[in-house]
Each structure stands twice: as C-alpha cells, then as structure tokens.
Amino acid sequence: MTPADAFLARGAMLRGIRSAPSRFGTHPPALWLGSREIAHLHRDEVDVRLTRVGIRALRAELLSDARIERRRPSSDWVRIRLRGEADVERALELTRTAIRRNRGRGAV
C-alpha cells in the first residue's frame, strides 16, 4: 500500500468523514465532511483544507515543516508530501485539524 493509499484509507475512517469523488476534477476519491471537501490527493501529495484562519493560527508550525507547502496566500489549502508513514501521520493530524476548522462551514 502506498502512503497515498494509506492516507485515503485511514482518513476515510475518521469520524464524520466520507470518501467521494473530488469536485476538483480527476483526483482520486477525496475526503468530505458533509458537503465540504477537506482533502484530496495529487499522486504522492495531499491537499488539506485548513482554512485561511487555521493556516494563520498554525503559521509557524507549518513553515517549520519541510513536507508542507502553502498553496497561495489567499488559499484555504496546504499541500503535504507523502513519502512514508511519518508523512501519513502528519497529513492525518492536519486532516483532524481541518475537520475542526471546517465544522459549520458548509460541513453539515
């Protein structure tokens, strides 16, 4: 099982999460919280929707982690490189944060 496969399988088991096609095109299945997409894959990377407020709150932590890339200044998303188990754990940790940050934002 690749790290990306492991992330999707374990992410889909998080409370309140379901796996369904991404609204952003041809990505593999995405992770959804209600009607809000909170994670999707790009081969061996995952985009996680932390929200702009969440990204600001975690700014120093995110900047200090070389596996994490900010998409662009106005984006709700960060990208995490998935190479091994530690990366999968980090991505799942940020997905749990995304769940908390996205509750009540269309995530019914």
N, C-alpha and C. Protein backbone atom coordinates (compact mmCIF):
# COMPACT_ATOMS: atom_id res chain seq x y z
N MET A 1 0.85 -1.18 0.00
CA MET A 1 0.00 0.00 0.00
C MET A 1 0.89 1.24 0.00
N THR A 2 0.62 2.17 -0.90
CA THR A 2 1.41 3.40 -0.97
C THR A 2 1.01 4.33 0.18
N PRO A 3 1.85 5.30 0.51
CA PRO A 3 1.46 6.28 1.52
C PRO A 3 0.15 7.00 1.15
N ALA A 4 -0.06 7.30 -0.12
CA ALA A 4 -1.30 7.96 -0.54
C ALA A 4 -2.50 7.06 -0.28
N ASP A 5 -2.38 5.77 -0.60
CA ASP A 5 -3.46 4.82 -0.34
C ASP A 5 -3.74 4.71 1.16
N ALA A 6 -2.67 4.67 1.95
CA ALA A 6 -2.81 4.58 3.41
C ALA A 6 -3.53 5.82 3.94
N PHE A 7 -3.15 6.99 3.44
CA PHE A 7 -3.81 8.22 3.88
C PHE A 7 -5.31 8.17 3.58
N LEU A 8 -5.67 7.81 2.36
CA LEU A 8 -7.10 7.76 1.99
C LEU A 8 -7.86 6.74 2.83
N ALA A 9 -7.29 5.56 3.01
CA ALA A 9 -7.97 4.51 3.77
C ALA A 9 -8.17 4.94 5.22
N ARG A 10 -7.12 5.46 5.85
CA ARG A 10 -7.23 5.86 7.24
C ARG A 10 -8.04 7.15 7.41
N GLY A 11 -7.89 8.07 6.46
CA GLY A 11 -8.67 9.31 6.52
C GLY A 11 -10.16 9.06 6.41
N ALA A 12 -10.55 8.10 5.59
CA ALA A 12 -11.97 7.79 5.41
C ALA A 12 -12.59 7.20 6.67
N MET A 13 -11.76 6.73 7.61
CA MET A 13 -12.27 6.16 8.86
C MET A 13 -12.43 7.21 9.96
N LEU A 14 -11.98 8.44 9.72
CA LEU A 14 -12.14 9.49 10.72
C LEU A 14 -13.62 9.82 10.91
N ARG A 15 -13.97 10.16 12.12
CA ARG A 15 -15.37 10.44 12.45
C ARG A 15 -15.93 11.57 11.60
N GLY A 16 -17.07 11.31 10.97
CA GLY A 16 -17.76 12.32 10.18
C GLY A 16 -17.26 12.43 8.74
N ILE A 17 -16.27 11.65 8.36
CA ILE A 17 -15.67 11.75 7.03
C ILE A 17 -16.23 10.67 6.12
N ARG A 18 -16.43 11.04 4.86
CA ARG A 18 -16.79 10.06 3.84
C ARG A 18 -15.88 10.27 2.64
N SER A 19 -15.71 9.22 1.87
CA SER A 19 -14.91 9.26 0.66
C SER A 19 -15.85 9.37 -0.53
N ALA A 20 -15.56 10.31 -1.43
CA ALA A 20 -16.38 10.52 -2.63
C ALA A 20 -15.51 11.22 -3.67
N PRO A 21 -15.95 11.24 -4.93
CA PRO A 21 -15.15 11.92 -5.96
C PRO A 21 -14.88 13.39 -5.60
N SER A 22 -13.72 13.85 -5.97
CA SER A 22 -13.35 15.24 -5.74
C SER A 22 -14.14 16.17 -6.65
N ARG A 23 -14.42 17.35 -6.17
CA ARG A 23 -15.09 18.35 -7.00
C ARG A 23 -14.08 19.08 -7.89
N PHE A 24 -12.80 18.79 -7.70
CA PHE A 24 -11.74 19.47 -8.43
C PHE A 24 -11.21 18.66 -9.61
N GLY A 25 -12.01 17.82 -10.18
CA GLY A 25 -11.58 17.13 -11.39
C GLY A 25 -11.25 15.68 -11.21
N THR A 26 -10.11 15.29 -11.74
CA THR A 26 -9.79 13.87 -11.88
C THR A 26 -8.98 13.30 -10.73
N HIS A 27 -8.99 13.92 -9.59
CA HIS A 27 -8.27 13.39 -8.43
C HIS A 27 -8.89 12.06 -8.02
N PRO A 28 -8.12 11.21 -7.35
CA PRO A 28 -8.72 10.01 -6.75
C PRO A 28 -9.81 10.45 -5.76
N PRO A 29 -10.48 9.51 -5.14
CA PRO A 29 -11.51 9.92 -4.18
C PRO A 29 -10.98 10.94 -3.19
N ALA A 30 -11.85 11.84 -2.80
CA ALA A 30 -11.49 12.88 -1.84
C ALA A 30 -12.15 12.56 -0.50
N LEU A 31 -11.74 13.27 0.53
CA LEU A 31 -12.37 13.15 1.84
C LEU A 31 -13.29 14.34 2.04
N TRP A 32 -14.50 14.04 2.46
CA TRP A 32 -15.54 15.05 2.63
C TRP A 32 -16.05 15.06 4.06
N LEU A 33 -16.34 16.26 4.54
CA LEU A 33 -17.02 16.48 5.81
C LEU A 33 -18.33 17.15 5.45
N GLY A 34 -19.42 16.40 5.47
CA GLY A 34 -20.69 16.93 4.99
C GLY A 34 -20.57 17.29 3.53
N SER A 35 -20.89 18.53 3.20
CA SER A 35 -20.84 18.98 1.80
C SER A 35 -19.53 19.70 1.47
N ARG A 36 -18.56 19.61 2.34
CA ARG A 36 -17.29 20.33 2.16
C ARG A 36 -16.13 19.35 1.96
N GLU A 37 -15.44 19.50 0.83
CA GLU A 37 -14.26 18.68 0.57
C GLU A 37 -13.11 19.20 1.43
N ILE A 38 -12.49 18.29 2.19
CA ILE A 38 -11.42 18.75 3.08
C ILE A 38 -10.04 18.16 2.74
N ALA A 39 -9.99 17.17 1.85
CA ALA A 39 -8.68 16.63 1.44
C ALA A 39 -8.82 15.89 0.11
N HIS A 40 -7.80 16.02 -0.72
CA HIS A 40 -7.72 15.24 -1.96
C HIS A 40 -6.25 15.05 -2.34
N LEU A 41 -6.01 14.03 -3.14
CA LEU A 41 -4.65 13.65 -3.49
C LEU A 41 -4.20 14.20 -4.84
N HIS A 42 -2.90 14.39 -4.93
CA HIS A 42 -2.17 14.65 -6.18
C HIS A 42 -1.01 13.66 -6.17
N ARG A 43 -1.21 12.50 -6.72
CA ARG A 43 -0.21 11.42 -6.74
C ARG A 43 0.34 11.15 -5.35
N ASP A 44 1.53 11.68 -5.02
CA ASP A 44 2.13 11.40 -3.71
C ASP A 44 2.10 12.63 -2.79
N GLU A 45 1.11 13.47 -2.99
CA GLU A 45 0.89 14.64 -2.13
C GLU A 45 -0.60 14.74 -1.84
N VAL A 46 -0.92 15.35 -0.71
CA VAL A 46 -2.32 15.55 -0.35
C VAL A 46 -2.55 17.02 -0.04
N ASP A 47 -3.64 17.56 -0.56
CA ASP A 47 -4.08 18.91 -0.21
C ASP A 47 -5.09 18.79 0.91
N VAL A 48 -4.89 19.58 1.97
CA VAL A 48 -5.79 19.58 3.12
C VAL A 48 -6.31 21.00 3.32
N ARG A 49 -7.63 21.10 3.49
CA ARG A 49 -8.29 22.41 3.63
C ARG A 49 -8.31 22.81 5.11
N LEU A 50 -7.29 23.56 5.51
CA LEU A 50 -7.20 24.02 6.89
C LEU A 50 -7.99 25.30 7.14
N THR A 51 -8.35 26.01 6.14
CA THR A 51 -8.96 27.34 6.13
C THR A 51 -7.87 28.39 6.34
N ARG A 52 -8.12 29.59 5.85
CA ARG A 52 -7.13 30.67 5.99
C ARG A 52 -6.87 30.99 7.46
N VAL A 53 -7.94 31.00 8.26
CA VAL A 53 -7.77 31.28 9.69
C VAL A 53 -6.93 30.19 10.34
N GLY A 54 -7.19 28.94 9.99
CA GLY A 54 -6.41 27.83 10.53
C GLY A 54 -4.95 27.90 10.12
N ILE A 55 -4.71 28.26 8.88
CA ILE A 55 -3.33 28.39 8.39
C ILE A 55 -2.61 29.51 9.14
N ARG A 56 -3.29 30.63 9.35
CA ARG A 56 -2.68 31.73 10.11
C ARG A 56 -2.35 31.28 11.53
N ALA A 57 -3.26 30.54 12.16
CA ALA A 57 -3.05 30.08 13.54
C ALA A 57 -1.87 29.11 13.65
N LEU A 58 -1.63 28.33 12.60
CA LEU A 58 -0.56 27.33 12.60
C LEU A 58 0.66 27.76 11.80
N ARG A 59 0.72 29.03 11.44
CA ARG A 59 1.74 29.52 10.50
C ARG A 59 3.15 29.07 10.84
N ALA A 60 3.61 29.33 12.06
CA ALA A 60 4.99 28.99 12.44
C ALA A 60 5.22 27.48 12.34
N GLU A 61 4.29 26.71 12.81
CA GLU A 61 4.40 25.24 12.76
C GLU A 61 4.46 24.75 11.31
N LEU A 62 3.60 25.29 10.46
CA LEU A 62 3.57 24.86 9.06
C LEU A 62 4.85 25.26 8.33
N LEU A 63 5.33 26.48 8.58
CA LEU A 63 6.54 26.95 7.92
C LEU A 63 7.78 26.15 8.33
N SER A 64 7.76 25.59 9.54
CA SER A 64 8.92 24.85 10.02
C SER A 64 8.95 23.40 9.53
N ASP A 65 7.91 22.96 8.84
CA ASP A 65 7.83 21.58 8.36
C ASP A 65 8.07 21.54 6.85
N ALA A 66 9.20 21.00 6.43
CA ALA A 66 9.59 21.00 5.01
C ALA A 66 8.65 20.17 4.14
N ARG A 67 7.83 19.31 4.75
CA ARG A 67 6.89 18.50 3.96
C ARG A 67 5.66 19.28 3.52
N ILE A 68 5.48 20.48 4.09
CA ILE A 68 4.25 21.24 3.89
C ILE A 68 4.51 22.46 3.03
N GLU A 69 3.61 22.67 2.08
CA GLU A 69 3.69 23.81 1.17
C GLU A 69 2.36 24.56 1.21
N ARG A 70 2.45 25.86 1.37
CA ARG A 70 1.25 26.71 1.30
C ARG A 70 0.91 26.89 -0.16
N ARG A 71 -0.35 26.68 -0.53
CA ARG A 71 -0.75 26.75 -1.93
C ARG A 71 -0.55 28.16 -2.49
N ARG A 72 -1.18 29.14 -1.89
CA ARG A 72 -1.01 30.56 -2.23
C ARG A 72 -1.58 31.36 -1.06
N PRO A 73 -1.23 32.62 -0.94
CA PRO A 73 -1.63 33.38 0.26
C PRO A 73 -3.13 33.41 0.55
N SER A 74 -3.97 33.43 -0.47
CA SER A 74 -5.41 33.53 -0.22
C SER A 74 -6.11 32.17 -0.16
N SER A 75 -5.35 31.09 -0.15
CA SER A 75 -5.92 29.74 -0.21
C SER A 75 -6.25 29.19 1.17
N ASP A 76 -7.27 28.33 1.21
CA ASP A 76 -7.62 27.58 2.41
C ASP A 76 -6.80 26.30 2.54
N TRP A 77 -6.00 25.98 1.53
CA TRP A 77 -5.35 24.68 1.40
C TRP A 77 -3.85 24.73 1.64
N VAL A 78 -3.34 23.62 2.20
CA VAL A 78 -1.90 23.35 2.25
C VAL A 78 -1.66 21.99 1.59
N ARG A 79 -0.46 21.79 1.08
CA ARG A 79 -0.10 20.53 0.42
C ARG A 79 0.98 19.84 1.26
N ILE A 80 0.77 18.55 1.50
CA ILE A 80 1.70 17.76 2.30
C ILE A 80 2.29 16.64 1.44
N ARG A 81 3.59 16.53 1.43
CA ARG A 81 4.28 15.47 0.70
C ARG A 81 4.12 14.15 1.46
N LEU A 82 3.77 13.08 0.75
CA LEU A 82 3.59 11.76 1.36
C LEU A 82 4.67 10.81 0.85
N ARG A 83 5.66 10.54 1.67
CA ARG A 83 6.73 9.62 1.27
C ARG A 83 6.77 8.37 2.15
N GLY A 84 6.31 8.50 3.38
CA GLY A 84 6.37 7.38 4.31
C GLY A 84 5.33 7.51 5.41
N GLU A 85 5.41 6.61 6.38
CA GLU A 85 4.42 6.56 7.47
C GLU A 85 4.36 7.86 8.27
N ALA A 86 5.51 8.46 8.56
CA ALA A 86 5.52 9.72 9.32
C ALA A 86 4.77 10.82 8.57
N ASP A 87 4.89 10.84 7.26
CA ASP A 87 4.17 11.83 6.44
C ASP A 87 2.66 11.58 6.48
N VAL A 88 2.28 10.31 6.43
CA VAL A 88 0.86 9.95 6.51
C VAL A 88 0.30 10.40 7.86
N GLU A 89 1.03 10.13 8.94
CA GLU A 89 0.59 10.56 10.27
C GLU A 89 0.43 12.07 10.34
N ARG A 90 1.39 12.80 9.77
CA ARG A 90 1.31 14.28 9.77
C ARG A 90 0.10 14.75 8.98
N ALA A 91 -0.14 14.15 7.82
CA ALA A 91 -1.29 14.52 7.00
C ALA A 91 -2.60 14.21 7.71
N LEU A 92 -2.67 13.09 8.42
CA LEU A 92 -3.88 12.75 9.17
C LEU A 92 -4.09 13.73 10.34
N GLU A 93 -3.00 14.12 10.98
CA GLU A 93 -3.09 15.11 12.06
C GLU A 93 -3.67 16.42 11.52
N LEU A 94 -3.17 16.87 10.37
CA LEU A 94 -3.70 18.10 9.77
C LEU A 94 -5.13 17.92 9.27
N THR A 95 -5.48 16.72 8.85
CA THR A 95 -6.87 16.46 8.44
C THR A 95 -7.80 16.55 9.65
N ARG A 96 -7.36 16.06 10.80
CA ARG A 96 -8.17 16.21 12.02
C ARG A 96 -8.36 17.69 12.36
N THR A 97 -7.30 18.48 12.19
CA THR A 97 -7.41 19.93 12.39
C THR A 97 -8.38 20.52 11.39
N ALA A 98 -8.32 20.07 10.14
CA ALA A 98 -9.24 20.56 9.10
C ALA A 98 -10.69 20.23 9.46
N ILE A 99 -10.92 19.07 10.03
CA ILE A 99 -12.28 18.70 10.45
C ILE A 99 -12.78 19.72 11.47
N ARG A 100 -11.97 20.02 12.46
CA ARG A 100 -12.38 21.00 13.48
C ARG A 100 -12.60 22.39 12.86
N ARG A 101 -11.71 22.80 11.97
CA ARG A 101 -11.78 24.13 11.37
C ARG A 101 -12.96 24.27 10.39
N ASN A 102 -13.38 23.18 9.77
CA ASN A 102 -14.42 23.25 8.74
C ASN A 102 -15.82 22.93 9.25
N ARG A 103 -15.96 22.48 10.47
CA ARG A 103 -17.30 22.23 11.02
C ARG A 103 -18.07 23.54 11.01
N GLY A 104 -19.29 23.50 10.54
CA GLY A 104 -20.12 24.71 10.49
C GLY A 104 -19.86 25.59 9.29
N ARG A 105 -18.95 25.21 8.40
CA ARG A 105 -18.66 25.99 7.19
C ARG A 105 -19.16 25.22 5.98
N GLY A 106 -20.44 24.91 5.98
CA GLY A 106 -20.98 24.12 4.88
C GLY A 106 -20.77 22.64 5.10
N ALA A 107 -20.15 22.29 6.22
CA ALA A 107 -19.90 20.90 6.54
C ALA A 107 -21.02 20.39 7.43
N VAL A 108 -22.13 20.09 6.83
CA VAL A 108 -23.32 19.67 7.57
C VAL A 108 -23.26 18.20 7.85
